[in-house]
PDB file of all heavy atoms in Angstrom:
ATOM      1  N   THR A   1     -72.230   0.688 -33.419  1.00  0.00           N
ATOM      2  CA  THR A   1     -72.114   1.881 -34.267  1.00  0.00           C
ATOM      3  C   THR A   1     -72.884   2.988 -33.563  1.00  0.00           C
ATOM      4  O   THR A   1     -74.114   3.090 -33.690  1.00  0.00           O
ATOM      5  CB  THR A   1     -72.675   1.605 -35.663  1.00  0.00           C
ATOM      6  OG1 THR A   1     -71.995   0.477 -36.221  1.00  0.00           O
ATOM      7  CG2 THR A   1     -72.470   2.819 -36.557  1.00  0.00           C
ATOM      8  N   PHE A   2     -72.172   3.812 -32.844  1.00  0.00           N
ATOM      9  CA  PHE A   2     -72.812   4.743 -31.917  1.00  0.00           C
ATOM     10  C   PHE A   2     -73.747   5.713 -32.635  1.00  0.00           C
ATOM     11  O   PHE A   2     -74.811   6.043 -32.129  1.00  0.00           O
ATOM     12  CB  PHE A   2     -71.740   5.513 -31.143  1.00  0.00           C
ATOM     13  CG  PHE A   2     -72.289   6.356 -30.030  1.00  0.00           C
ATOM     14  CD1 PHE A   2     -72.857   5.761 -28.919  1.00  0.00           C
ATOM     15  CD2 PHE A   2     -72.239   7.745 -30.093  1.00  0.00           C
ATOM     16  CE1 PHE A   2     -73.368   6.528 -27.888  1.00  0.00           C
ATOM     17  CE2 PHE A   2     -72.750   8.523 -29.067  1.00  0.00           C
ATOM     18  CZ  PHE A   2     -73.312   7.908 -27.960  1.00  0.00           C
ATOM     19  N   SER A   3     -73.379   6.147 -33.800  1.00  0.00           N
ATOM     20  CA  SER A   3     -74.191   7.139 -34.512  1.00  0.00           C
ATOM     21  C   SER A   3     -75.520   6.576 -34.995  1.00  0.00           C
ATOM     22  O   SER A   3     -76.395   7.335 -35.415  1.00  0.00           O
ATOM     23  CB  SER A   3     -73.417   7.696 -35.705  1.00  0.00           C
ATOM     24  OG  SER A   3     -73.064   6.650 -36.582  1.00  0.00           O
ATOM     25  N   SER A   4     -75.693   5.259 -34.909  1.00  0.00           N
ATOM     26  CA  SER A   4     -76.952   4.649 -35.353  1.00  0.00           C
ATOM     27  C   SER A   4     -77.855   4.259 -34.192  1.00  0.00           C
ATOM     28  O   SER A   4     -78.926   3.690 -34.421  1.00  0.00           O
ATOM     29  CB  SER A   4     -76.675   3.420 -36.221  1.00  0.00           C
ATOM     30  OG  SER A   4     -76.107   2.394 -35.453  1.00  0.00           O
ATOM     31  N   VAL A   5     -77.450   4.558 -32.966  1.00  0.00           N
ATOM     32  CA  VAL A   5     -78.285   4.220 -31.813  1.00  0.00           C
ATOM     33  C   VAL A   5     -78.805   5.491 -31.149  1.00  0.00           C
ATOM     34  O   VAL A   5     -78.074   6.470 -31.004  1.00  0.00           O
ATOM     35  CB  VAL A   5     -77.558   3.347 -30.775  1.00  0.00           C
ATOM     36  CG1 VAL A   5     -77.138   2.024 -31.385  1.00  0.00           C
ATOM     37  CG2 VAL A   5     -76.359   4.053 -30.170  1.00  0.00           C
ATOM     38  N   ALA A   6     -80.064   5.424 -30.758  1.00  0.00           N
ATOM     39  CA  ALA A   6     -80.617   6.480 -29.916  1.00  0.00           C
ATOM     40  C   ALA A   6     -80.273   6.137 -28.473  1.00  0.00           C
ATOM     41  O   ALA A   6     -80.106   4.962 -28.123  1.00  0.00           O
ATOM     42  CB  ALA A   6     -82.129   6.564 -30.105  1.00  0.00           C
ATOM     43  N   MET A   7     -80.171   7.160 -27.645  1.00  0.00           N
ATOM     44  CA  MET A   7     -79.716   6.962 -26.275  1.00  0.00           C
ATOM     45  C   MET A   7     -80.691   7.575 -25.273  1.00  0.00           C
ATOM     46  O   MET A   7     -81.329   8.600 -25.554  1.00  0.00           O
ATOM     47  CB  MET A   7     -78.345   7.602 -26.079  1.00  0.00           C
ATOM     48  CG  MET A   7     -77.244   7.041 -26.953  1.00  0.00           C
ATOM     49  SD  MET A   7     -76.831   5.321 -26.548  1.00  0.00           S
ATOM     50  CE  MET A   7     -76.188   5.517 -24.883  1.00  0.00           C
ATOM     51  N   GLY A   8     -80.758   6.962 -24.128  1.00  0.00           N
ATOM     52  CA  GLY A   8     -81.598   7.516 -23.072  1.00  0.00           C
ATOM     53  C   GLY A   8     -80.948   7.357 -21.714  1.00  0.00           C
ATOM     54  O   GLY A   8     -80.009   6.559 -21.538  1.00  0.00           O
ATOM     55  N   TRP A   9     -81.421   8.145 -20.786  1.00  0.00           N
ATOM     56  CA  TRP A   9     -81.047   8.002 -19.379  1.00  0.00           C
ATOM     57  C   TRP A   9     -82.305   7.671 -18.579  1.00  0.00           C
ATOM     58  O   TRP A   9     -83.368   8.264 -18.794  1.00  0.00           O
ATOM     59  CB  TRP A   9     -80.433   9.297 -18.836  1.00  0.00           C
ATOM     60  CG  TRP A   9     -79.044   9.581 -19.311  1.00  0.00           C
ATOM     61  CD1 TRP A   9     -78.682  10.333 -20.398  1.00  0.00           C
ATOM     62  CD2 TRP A   9     -77.822   9.132 -18.714  1.00  0.00           C
ATOM     63  NE1 TRP A   9     -77.310  10.377 -20.511  1.00  0.00           N
ATOM     64  CE2 TRP A   9     -76.759   9.649 -19.496  1.00  0.00           C
ATOM     65  CE3 TRP A   9     -77.504   8.355 -17.605  1.00  0.00           C
ATOM     66  CZ2 TRP A   9     -75.406   9.406 -19.193  1.00  0.00           C
ATOM     67  CZ3 TRP A   9     -76.173   8.114 -17.306  1.00  0.00           C
ATOM     68  CH2 TRP A   9     -75.144   8.644 -18.088  1.00  0.00           C
ATOM     69  N   PHE A  10     -82.138   6.730 -17.676  1.00  0.00           N
ATOM     70  CA  PHE A  10     -83.200   6.333 -16.759  1.00  0.00           C
ATOM     71  C   PHE A  10     -82.642   6.406 -15.345  1.00  0.00           C
ATOM     72  O   PHE A  10     -81.422   6.457 -15.145  1.00  0.00           O
ATOM     73  CB  PHE A  10     -83.671   4.907 -17.071  1.00  0.00           C
ATOM     74  CG  PHE A  10     -84.419   4.786 -18.374  1.00  0.00           C
ATOM     75  CD1 PHE A  10     -83.743   4.805 -19.588  1.00  0.00           C
ATOM     76  CD2 PHE A  10     -85.800   4.667 -18.388  1.00  0.00           C
ATOM     77  CE1 PHE A  10     -84.431   4.709 -20.800  1.00  0.00           C
ATOM     78  CE2 PHE A  10     -86.495   4.569 -19.587  1.00  0.00           C
ATOM     79  CZ  PHE A  10     -85.802   4.585 -20.785  1.00  0.00           C
ATOM     80  N   ARG A  11     -83.534   6.381 -14.373  1.00  0.00           N
ATOM     81  CA  ARG A  11     -83.078   6.349 -12.993  1.00  0.00           C
ATOM     82  C   ARG A  11     -83.984   5.449 -12.174  1.00  0.00           C
ATOM     83  O   ARG A  11     -85.161   5.255 -12.514  1.00  0.00           O
ATOM     84  CB  ARG A  11     -83.008   7.751 -12.390  1.00  0.00           C
ATOM     85  CG  ARG A  11     -84.334   8.481 -12.268  1.00  0.00           C
ATOM     86  CD  ARG A  11     -84.089   9.929 -11.842  1.00  0.00           C
ATOM     87  NE  ARG A  11     -85.333  10.677 -11.662  1.00  0.00           N
ATOM     88  CZ  ARG A  11     -85.384  11.971 -11.404  1.00  0.00           C
ATOM     89  NH1 ARG A  11     -84.256  12.681 -11.295  1.00  0.00           N
ATOM     90  NH2 ARG A  11     -86.557  12.575 -11.245  1.00  0.00           N
ATOM     91  N   GLN A  12     -83.427   4.944 -11.100  1.00  0.00           N
ATOM     92  CA  GLN A  12     -84.156   3.981 -10.288  1.00  0.00           C
ATOM     93  C   GLN A  12     -83.765   4.125  -8.826  1.00  0.00           C
ATOM     94  O   GLN A  12     -82.578   4.257  -8.499  1.00  0.00           O
ATOM     95  CB  GLN A  12     -83.858   2.556 -10.768  1.00  0.00           C
ATOM     96  CG  GLN A  12     -84.703   1.477 -10.131  1.00  0.00           C
ATOM     97  CD  GLN A  12     -84.495   0.143 -10.802  1.00  0.00           C
ATOM     98  OE1 GLN A  12     -83.433  -0.143 -11.369  1.00  0.00           O
ATOM     99  NE2 GLN A  12     -85.516  -0.710 -10.752  1.00  0.00           N
ATOM    100  N   ILE A  13     -84.779   4.107  -7.969  1.00  0.00           N
ATOM    101  CA  ILE A  13     -84.542   4.053  -6.528  1.00  0.00           C
ATOM    102  C   ILE A  13     -85.007   2.682  -6.045  1.00  0.00           C
ATOM    103  O   ILE A  13     -85.843   2.044  -6.694  1.00  0.00           O
ATOM    104  CB  ILE A  13     -85.262   5.190  -5.782  1.00  0.00           C
ATOM    105  CG1 ILE A  13     -86.771   5.146  -6.017  1.00  0.00           C
ATOM    106  CG2 ILE A  13     -84.707   6.536  -6.213  1.00  0.00           C
ATOM    107  CD1 ILE A  13     -87.530   6.184  -5.230  1.00  0.00           C
ATOM    108  N   PRO A  14     -84.460   2.200  -4.929  1.00  0.00           N
ATOM    109  CA  PRO A  14     -84.791   0.844  -4.462  1.00  0.00           C
ATOM    110  C   PRO A  14     -86.293   0.637  -4.305  1.00  0.00           C
ATOM    111  O   PRO A  14     -87.002   1.481  -3.749  1.00  0.00           O
ATOM    112  CB  PRO A  14     -84.070   0.763  -3.111  1.00  0.00           C
ATOM    113  CG  PRO A  14     -82.930   1.708  -3.235  1.00  0.00           C
ATOM    114  CD  PRO A  14     -83.449   2.839  -4.071  1.00  0.00           C
ATOM    115  N   GLY A  15     -86.761  -0.483  -4.828  1.00  0.00           N
ATOM    116  CA  GLY A  15     -88.164  -0.838  -4.693  1.00  0.00           C
ATOM    117  C   GLY A  15     -89.088  -0.189  -5.703  1.00  0.00           C
ATOM    118  O   GLY A  15     -90.302  -0.405  -5.667  1.00  0.00           O
ATOM    119  N   LYS A  16     -88.511   0.621  -6.591  1.00  0.00           N
ATOM    120  CA  LYS A  16     -89.336   1.306  -7.593  1.00  0.00           C
ATOM    121  C   LYS A  16     -88.932   0.873  -9.000  1.00  0.00           C
ATOM    122  O   LYS A  16     -87.850   0.320  -9.219  1.00  0.00           O
ATOM    123  CB  LYS A  16     -89.148   2.830  -7.471  1.00  0.00           C
ATOM    124  CG  LYS A  16     -89.551   3.392  -6.123  1.00  0.00           C
ATOM    125  CD  LYS A  16     -91.049   3.462  -5.982  1.00  0.00           C
ATOM    126  CE  LYS A  16     -91.438   4.234  -4.728  1.00  0.00           C
ATOM    127  NZ  LYS A  16     -92.905   4.356  -4.588  1.00  0.00           N
ATOM    128  N   ASP A  17     -89.814   1.151  -9.955  1.00  0.00           N
ATOM    129  CA  ASP A  17     -89.495   0.877 -11.349  1.00  0.00           C
ATOM    130  C   ASP A  17     -88.419   1.836 -11.847  1.00  0.00           C
ATOM    131  O   ASP A  17     -88.202   2.898 -11.263  1.00  0.00           O
ATOM    132  CB  ASP A  17     -90.742   1.029 -12.220  1.00  0.00           C
ATOM    133  CG  ASP A  17     -91.786  -0.036 -11.947  1.00  0.00           C
ATOM    134  OD1 ASP A  17     -91.403  -1.117 -11.478  1.00  0.00           O
ATOM    135  OD2 ASP A  17     -92.973   0.236 -12.215  1.00  0.00           O
ATOM    136  N   ARG A  18     -87.778   1.440 -12.929  1.00  0.00           N
ATOM    137  CA  ARG A  18     -86.800   2.309 -13.576  1.00  0.00           C
ATOM    138  C   ARG A  18     -87.568   3.368 -14.365  1.00  0.00           C
ATOM    139  O   ARG A  18     -88.373   3.030 -15.240  1.00  0.00           O
ATOM    140  CB  ARG A  18     -85.917   1.463 -14.480  1.00  0.00           C
ATOM    141  CG  ARG A  18     -84.643   2.138 -14.909  1.00  0.00           C
ATOM    142  CD  ARG A  18     -83.686   1.125 -15.533  1.00  0.00           C
ATOM    143  NE  ARG A  18     -83.168   0.188 -14.550  1.00  0.00           N
ATOM    144  CZ  ARG A  18     -82.210  -0.701 -14.813  1.00  0.00           C
ATOM    145  NH1 ARG A  18     -81.674  -0.741 -16.015  1.00  0.00           N
ATOM    146  NH2 ARG A  18     -81.776  -1.527 -13.880  1.00  0.00           N
ATOM    147  N   ASP A  19     -87.313   4.626 -14.070  1.00  0.00           N
ATOM    148  CA  ASP A  19     -88.063   5.723 -14.681  1.00  0.00           C
ATOM    149  C   ASP A  19     -87.271   6.409 -15.781  1.00  0.00           C
ATOM    150  O   ASP A  19     -86.062   6.636 -15.653  1.00  0.00           O
ATOM    151  CB  ASP A  19     -88.426   6.777 -13.619  1.00  0.00           C
ATOM    152  CG  ASP A  19     -89.461   6.278 -12.637  1.00  0.00           C
ATOM    153  OD1 ASP A  19     -90.258   5.400 -13.000  1.00  0.00           O
ATOM    154  OD2 ASP A  19     -89.465   6.788 -11.501  1.00  0.00           O
ATOM    155  N   PHE A  20     -87.978   6.799 -16.802  1.00  0.00           N
ATOM    156  CA  PHE A  20     -87.389   7.569 -17.905  1.00  0.00           C
ATOM    157  C   PHE A  20     -86.985   8.948 -17.412  1.00  0.00           C
ATOM    158  O   PHE A  20     -87.727   9.603 -16.673  1.00  0.00           O
ATOM    159  CB  PHE A  20     -88.401   7.699 -19.037  1.00  0.00           C
ATOM    160  CG  PHE A  20     -88.008   8.691 -20.094  1.00  0.00           C
ATOM    161  CD1 PHE A  20     -87.002   8.388 -21.005  1.00  0.00           C
ATOM    162  CD2 PHE A  20     -88.629   9.928 -20.160  1.00  0.00           C
ATOM    163  CE1 PHE A  20     -86.637   9.304 -21.973  1.00  0.00           C
ATOM    164  CE2 PHE A  20     -88.271  10.839 -21.131  1.00  0.00           C
ATOM    165  CZ  PHE A  20     -87.272  10.532 -22.037  1.00  0.00           C
ATOM    166  N   VAL A  21     -85.809   9.391 -17.846  1.00  0.00           N
ATOM    167  CA  VAL A  21     -85.339  10.735 -17.511  1.00  0.00           C
ATOM    168  C   VAL A  21     -85.269  11.603 -18.763  1.00  0.00           C
ATOM    169  O   VAL A  21     -85.890  12.658 -18.844  1.00  0.00           O
ATOM    170  CB  VAL A  21     -83.960  10.686 -16.824  1.00  0.00           C
ATOM    171  CG1 VAL A  21     -83.437  12.102 -16.570  1.00  0.00           C
ATOM    172  CG2 VAL A  21     -84.021   9.889 -15.527  1.00  0.00           C
ATOM    173  N   ILE A  22     -84.499  11.129 -19.754  1.00  0.00           N
ATOM    174  CA  ILE A  22     -84.263  11.985 -20.908  1.00  0.00           C
ATOM    175  C   ILE A  22     -83.767  11.134 -22.070  1.00  0.00           C
ATOM    176  O   ILE A  22     -83.153  10.075 -21.865  1.00  0.00           O
ATOM    177  CB  ILE A  22     -83.258  13.102 -20.535  1.00  0.00           C
ATOM    178  CG1 ILE A  22     -83.301  14.276 -21.510  1.00  0.00           C
ATOM    179  CG2 ILE A  22     -81.853  12.554 -20.359  1.00  0.00           C
ATOM    180  CD1 ILE A  22     -82.651  15.534 -20.953  1.00  0.00           C
ATOM    181  N   PHE A  23     -84.026  11.613 -23.288  1.00  0.00           N
ATOM    182  CA  PHE A  23     -83.718  10.863 -24.517  1.00  0.00           C
ATOM    183  C   PHE A  23     -83.058  11.780 -25.537  1.00  0.00           C
ATOM    184  O   PHE A  23     -83.361  12.985 -25.597  1.00  0.00           O
ATOM    185  CB  PHE A  23     -85.024  10.313 -25.095  1.00  0.00           C
ATOM    186  CG  PHE A  23     -84.934   9.865 -26.526  1.00  0.00           C
ATOM    187  CD1 PHE A  23     -84.551   8.572 -26.827  1.00  0.00           C
ATOM    188  CD2 PHE A  23     -85.210  10.740 -27.565  1.00  0.00           C
ATOM    189  CE1 PHE A  23     -84.458   8.158 -28.158  1.00  0.00           C
ATOM    190  CE2 PHE A  23     -85.132  10.340 -28.886  1.00  0.00           C
ATOM    191  CZ  PHE A  23     -84.751   9.038 -29.185  1.00  0.00           C
ATOM    192  N   ILE A  24     -82.189  11.170 -26.364  1.00  0.00           N
ATOM    193  CA  ILE A  24     -81.604  11.912 -27.469  1.00  0.00           C
ATOM    194  C   ILE A  24     -81.578  11.004 -28.699  1.00  0.00           C
ATOM    195  O   ILE A  24     -81.272   9.807 -28.601  1.00  0.00           O
ATOM    196  CB  ILE A  24     -80.200  12.441 -27.126  1.00  0.00           C
ATOM    197  CG1 ILE A  24     -79.693  13.406 -28.200  1.00  0.00           C
ATOM    198  CG2 ILE A  24     -79.205  11.304 -26.894  1.00  0.00           C
ATOM    199  CD1 ILE A  24     -78.488  14.223 -27.765  1.00  0.00           C
ATOM    200  N   SER A  25     -81.893  11.574 -29.842  1.00  0.00           N
ATOM    201  CA  SER A  25     -81.942  10.810 -31.078  1.00  0.00           C
ATOM    202  C   SER A  25     -80.539  10.508 -31.597  1.00  0.00           C
ATOM    203  O   SER A  25     -79.538  10.990 -31.069  1.00  0.00           O
ATOM    204  CB  SER A  25     -82.724  11.589 -32.132  1.00  0.00           C
ATOM    205  OG  SER A  25     -82.054  12.815 -32.433  1.00  0.00           O
ATOM    206  N   GLN A  26     -80.499   9.711 -32.651  1.00  0.00           N
ATOM    207  CA  GLN A  26     -79.224   9.245 -33.187  1.00  0.00           C
ATOM    208  C   GLN A  26     -78.305  10.409 -33.575  1.00  0.00           C
ATOM    209  O   GLN A  26     -77.105  10.370 -33.315  1.00  0.00           O
ATOM    210  CB  GLN A  26     -79.465   8.348 -34.409  1.00  0.00           C
ATOM    211  CG  GLN A  26     -80.107   6.999 -34.132  1.00  0.00           C
ATOM    212  CD  GLN A  26     -81.620   7.038 -34.072  1.00  0.00           C
ATOM    213  OE1 GLN A  26     -82.223   8.063 -33.768  1.00  0.00           O
ATOM    214  NE2 GLN A  26     -82.238   5.891 -34.344  1.00  0.00           N
ATOM    215  N   SER A  27     -78.880  11.410 -34.174  1.00  0.00           N
ATOM    216  CA  SER A  27     -78.070  12.546 -34.625  1.00  0.00           C
ATOM    217  C   SER A  27     -77.856  13.587 -33.537  1.00  0.00           C
ATOM    218  O   SER A  27     -76.998  14.468 -33.670  1.00  0.00           O
ATOM    219  CB  SER A  27     -78.761  13.229 -35.811  1.00  0.00           C
ATOM    220  OG  SER A  27     -79.958  13.857 -35.371  1.00  0.00           O
ATOM    221  N   GLY A  28     -78.645  13.486 -32.472  1.00  0.00           N
ATOM    222  CA  GLY A  28     -78.603  14.503 -31.430  1.00  0.00           C
ATOM    223  C   GLY A  28     -79.535  15.666 -31.689  1.00  0.00           C
ATOM    224  O   GLY A  28     -79.614  16.589 -30.889  1.00  0.00           O
ATOM    225  N   GLY A  29     -80.270  15.608 -32.789  1.00  0.00           N
ATOM    226  CA  GLY A  29     -81.128  16.724 -33.148  1.00  0.00           C
ATOM    227  C   GLY A  29     -82.436  16.785 -32.393  1.00  0.00           C
ATOM    228  O   GLY A  29     -83.097  17.833 -32.383  1.00  0.00           O
ATOM    229  N   SER A  30     -82.837  15.685 -31.787  1.00  0.00           N
ATOM    230  CA  SER A  30     -84.106  15.649 -31.057  1.00  0.00           C
ATOM    231  C   SER A  30     -83.882  15.118 -29.651  1.00  0.00           C
ATOM    232  O   SER A  30     -83.163  14.137 -29.461  1.00  0.00           O
ATOM    233  CB  SER A  30     -85.106  14.747 -31.768  1.00  0.00           C
ATOM    234  OG  SER A  30     -85.399  15.227 -33.051  1.00  0.00           O
ATOM    235  N   THR A  31     -84.497  15.776 -28.697  1.00  0.00           N
ATOM    236  CA  THR A  31     -84.440  15.330 -27.310  1.00  0.00           C
ATOM    237  C   THR A  31     -85.818  15.452 -26.691  1.00  0.00           C
ATOM    238  O   THR A  31     -86.661  16.239 -27.142  1.00  0.00           O
ATOM    239  CB  THR A  31     -83.444  16.145 -26.465  1.00  0.00           C
ATOM    240  OG1 THR A  31     -83.897  17.504 -26.387  1.00  0.00           O
ATOM    241  CG2 THR A  31     -82.040  16.115 -27.054  1.00  0.00           C
ATOM    242  N   VAL A  32     -86.039  14.662 -25.661  1.00  0.00           N
ATOM    243  CA  VAL A  32     -87.259  14.786 -24.884  1.00  0.00           C
ATOM    244  C   VAL A  32     -86.916  14.397 -23.449  1.00  0.00           C
ATOM    245  O   VAL A  32     -86.073  13.527 -23.229  1.00  0.00           O
ATOM    246  CB  VAL A  32     -88.398  13.908 -25.450  1.00  0.00           C
ATOM    247  CG1 VAL A  32     -88.064  12.429 -25.358  1.00  0.00           C
ATOM    248  CG2 VAL A  32     -89.714  14.215 -24.769  1.00  0.00           C
ATOM    249  N   SER A  33     -87.538  15.080 -22.490  1.00  0.00           N
ATOM    250  CA  SER A  33     -87.236  14.794 -21.088  1.00  0.00           C
ATOM    251  C   SER A  33     -88.510  14.625 -20.283  1.00  0.00           C
ATOM    252  O   SER A  33     -89.590  15.090 -20.672  1.00  0.00           O
ATOM    253  CB  SER A  33     -86.375  15.914 -20.498  1.00  0.00           C
ATOM    254  OG  SER A  33     -87.044  17.156 -20.569  1.00  0.00           O
ATOM    255  N   ALA A  34     -88.364  13.980 -19.163  1.00  0.00           N
ATOM    256  CA  ALA A  34     -89.478  13.827 -18.236  1.00  0.00           C
ATOM    257  C   ALA A  34     -89.824  15.188 -17.630  1.00  0.00           C
ATOM    258  O   ALA A  34     -88.957  16.049 -17.477  1.00  0.00           O
ATOM    259  CB  ALA A  34     -89.098  12.846 -17.125  1.00  0.00           C
ATOM    260  N   ASP A  35     -91.079  15.362 -17.293  1.00  0.00           N
ATOM    261  CA  ASP A  35     -91.519  16.647 -16.724  1.00  0.00           C
ATOM    262  C   ASP A  35     -90.749  16.988 -15.458  1.00  0.00           C
ATOM    263  O   ASP A  35     -90.475  18.159 -15.186  1.00  0.00           O
ATOM    264  CB  ASP A  35     -93.017  16.587 -16.410  1.00  0.00           C
ATOM    265  CG  ASP A  35     -93.871  16.600 -17.666  1.00  0.00           C
ATOM    266  OD1 ASP A  35     -93.342  16.976 -18.736  1.00  0.00           O
ATOM    267  OD2 ASP A  35     -95.053  16.239 -17.581  1.00  0.00           O
ATOM    268  N   SER A  36     -90.374  15.971 -14.702  1.00  0.00           N
ATOM    269  CA  SER A  36     -89.707  16.197 -13.414  1.00  0.00           C
ATOM    270  C   SER A  36     -88.321  16.820 -13.554  1.00  0.00           C
ATOM    271  O   SER A  36     -87.790  17.385 -12.587  1.00  0.00           O
ATOM    272  CB  SER A  36     -89.606  14.890 -12.633  1.00  0.00           C
ATOM    273  OG  SER A  36     -88.898  13.926 -13.387  1.00  0.00           O
ATOM    274  N   VAL A  37     -87.736  16.722 -14.738  1.00  0.00           N
ATOM    275  CA  VAL A  37     -86.378  17.251 -14.925  1.00  0.00           C
ATOM    276  C   VAL A  37     -86.317  18.350 -15.974  1.00  0.00           C
ATOM    277  O   VAL A  37     -85.248  18.911 -16.228  1.00  0.00           O
ATOM    278  CB  VAL A  37     -85.378  16.136 -15.290  1.00  0.00           C
ATOM    279  CG1 VAL A  37     -85.411  15.024 -14.257  1.00  0.00           C
ATOM    280  CG2 VAL A  37     -85.641  15.589 -16.678  1.00  0.00           C
ATOM    281  N   LYS A  38     -87.451  18.672 -16.565  1.00  0.00           N
ATOM    282  CA  LYS A  38     -87.479  19.685 -17.621  1.00  0.00           C
ATOM    283  C   LYS A  38     -86.938  21.006 -17.098  1.00  0.00           C
ATOM    284  O   LYS A  38     -87.289  21.460 -16.004  1.00  0.00           O
ATOM    285  CB  LYS A  38     -88.921  19.885 -18.114  1.00  0.00           C
ATOM    286  CG  LYS A  38     -89.101  19.587 -19.575  1.00  0.00           C
ATOM    287  CD  LYS A  38     -90.554  19.694 -19.958  1.00  0.00           C
ATOM    288  CE  LYS A  38     -90.851  18.811 -21.092  1.00  0.00           C
ATOM    289  NZ  LYS A  38     -91.304  17.535 -21.027  1.00  0.00           N
ATOM    290  N   GLY A  39     -86.079  21.614 -17.900  1.00  0.00           N
ATOM    291  CA  GLY A  39     -85.498  22.894 -17.509  1.00  0.00           C
ATOM    292  C   GLY A  39     -84.292  22.763 -16.603  1.00  0.00           C
ATOM    293  O   GLY A  39     -83.595  23.753 -16.354  1.00  0.00           O
ATOM    294  N   ARG A  40     -84.029  21.568 -16.091  1.00  0.00           N
ATOM    295  CA  ARG A  40     -82.868  21.358 -15.211  1.00  0.00           C
ATOM    296  C   ARG A  40     -81.845  20.405 -15.812  1.00  0.00           C
ATOM    297  O   ARG A  40     -80.643  20.588 -15.624  1.00  0.00           O
ATOM    298  CB  ARG A  40     -83.330  20.802 -13.850  1.00  0.00           C
ATOM    299  CG  ARG A  40     -84.294  21.698 -13.095  1.00  0.00           C
ATOM    300  CD  ARG A  40     -84.568  21.168 -11.704  1.00  0.00           C
ATOM    301  NE  ARG A  40     -85.181  19.840 -11.708  1.00  0.00           N
ATOM    302  CZ  ARG A  40     -84.667  18.775 -11.111  1.00  0.00           C
ATOM    303  NH1 ARG A  40     -83.520  18.871 -10.453  1.00  0.00           N
ATOM    304  NH2 ARG A  40     -85.298  17.605 -11.155  1.00  0.00           N
ATOM    305  N   PHE A  41     -82.306  19.387 -16.499  1.00  0.00           N
ATOM    306  CA  PHE A  41     -81.413  18.371 -17.080  1.00  0.00           C
ATOM    307  C   PHE A  41     -81.365  18.541 -18.591  1.00  0.00           C
ATOM    308  O   PHE A  41     -82.389  18.807 -19.231  1.00  0.00           O
ATOM    309  CB  PHE A  41     -81.924  16.968 -16.776  1.00  0.00           C
ATOM    310  CG  PHE A  41     -81.827  16.522 -15.345  1.00  0.00           C
ATOM    311  CD1 PHE A  41     -81.573  17.408 -14.314  1.00  0.00           C
ATOM    312  CD2 PHE A  41     -81.990  15.180 -15.024  1.00  0.00           C
ATOM    313  CE1 PHE A  41     -81.484  16.992 -12.989  1.00  0.00           C
ATOM    314  CE2 PHE A  41     -81.910  14.732 -13.710  1.00  0.00           C
ATOM    315  CZ  PHE A  41     -81.661  15.652 -12.701  1.00  0.00           C
ATOM    316  N   THR A  42     -80.195  18.357 -19.153  1.00  0.00           N
ATOM    317  CA  THR A  42     -80.052  18.326 -20.600  1.00  0.00           C
ATOM    318  C   THR A  42     -79.197  17.133 -21.007  1.00  0.00           C
ATOM    319  O   THR A  42     -78.356  16.661 -20.233  1.00  0.00           O
ATOM    320  CB  THR A  42     -79.412  19.609 -21.150  1.00  0.00           C
ATOM    321  OG1 THR A  42     -78.135  19.791 -20.522  1.00  0.00           O
ATOM    322  CG2 THR A  42     -80.284  20.822 -20.908  1.00  0.00           C
ATOM    323  N   ILE A  43     -79.431  16.662 -22.203  1.00  0.00           N
ATOM    324  CA  ILE A  43     -78.689  15.533 -22.734  1.00  0.00           C
ATOM    325  C   ILE A  43     -77.976  15.984 -24.003  1.00  0.00           C
ATOM    326  O   ILE A  43     -78.493  16.802 -24.766  1.00  0.00           O
ATOM    327  CB  ILE A  43     -79.634  14.337 -23.006  1.00  0.00           C
ATOM    328  CG1 ILE A  43     -78.837  13.085 -23.372  1.00  0.00           C
ATOM    329  CG2 ILE A  43     -80.682  14.683 -24.069  1.00  0.00           C
ATOM    330  CD1 ILE A  43     -79.696  11.811 -23.442  1.00  0.00           C
ATOM    331  N   SER A  44     -76.790  15.464 -24.207  1.00  0.00           N
ATOM    332  CA  SER A  44     -76.045  15.742 -25.428  1.00  0.00           C
ATOM    333  C   SER A  44     -75.225  14.511 -25.767  1.00  0.00           C
ATOM    334  O   SER A  44     -75.077  13.605 -24.945  1.00  0.00           O
ATOM    335  CB  SER A  44     -75.140  16.972 -25.245  1.00  0.00           C
ATOM    336  OG  SER A  44     -74.188  16.744 -24.224  1.00  0.00           O
ATOM    337  N   ARG A  45     -74.708  14.502 -26.970  1.00  0.00           N
ATOM    338  CA  ARG A  45     -73.893  13.359 -27.383  1.00  0.00           C
ATOM    339  C   ARG A  45     -72.778  13.843 -28.289  1.00  0.00           C
ATOM    340  O   ARG A  45     -72.926  14.840 -29.008  1.00  0.00           O
ATOM    341  CB  ARG A  45     -74.739  12.292 -28.077  1.00  0.00           C
ATOM    342  CG  ARG A  45     -75.378  12.725 -29.381  1.00  0.00           C
ATOM    343  CD  ARG A  45     -76.375  11.674 -29.872  1.00  0.00           C
ATOM    344  NE  ARG A  45     -75.723  10.414 -30.221  1.00  0.00           N
ATOM    345  CZ  ARG A  45     -76.370   9.251 -30.316  1.00  0.00           C
ATOM    346  NH1 ARG A  45     -77.680   9.195 -30.089  1.00  0.00           N
ATOM    347  NH2 ARG A  45     -75.710   8.151 -30.649  1.00  0.00           N
TER     348      ARG A  45
END
């Protein structure tokens, strides 16, 4: 049930941990992003 799940994007380079990129809440009303992508990346659903 897609509307009941929150979603996120992560990224990973070889040999490194999977890093948080950006998040969006179930309704799409709240988002938060990593400092490294702030102002450049946006998430929507």
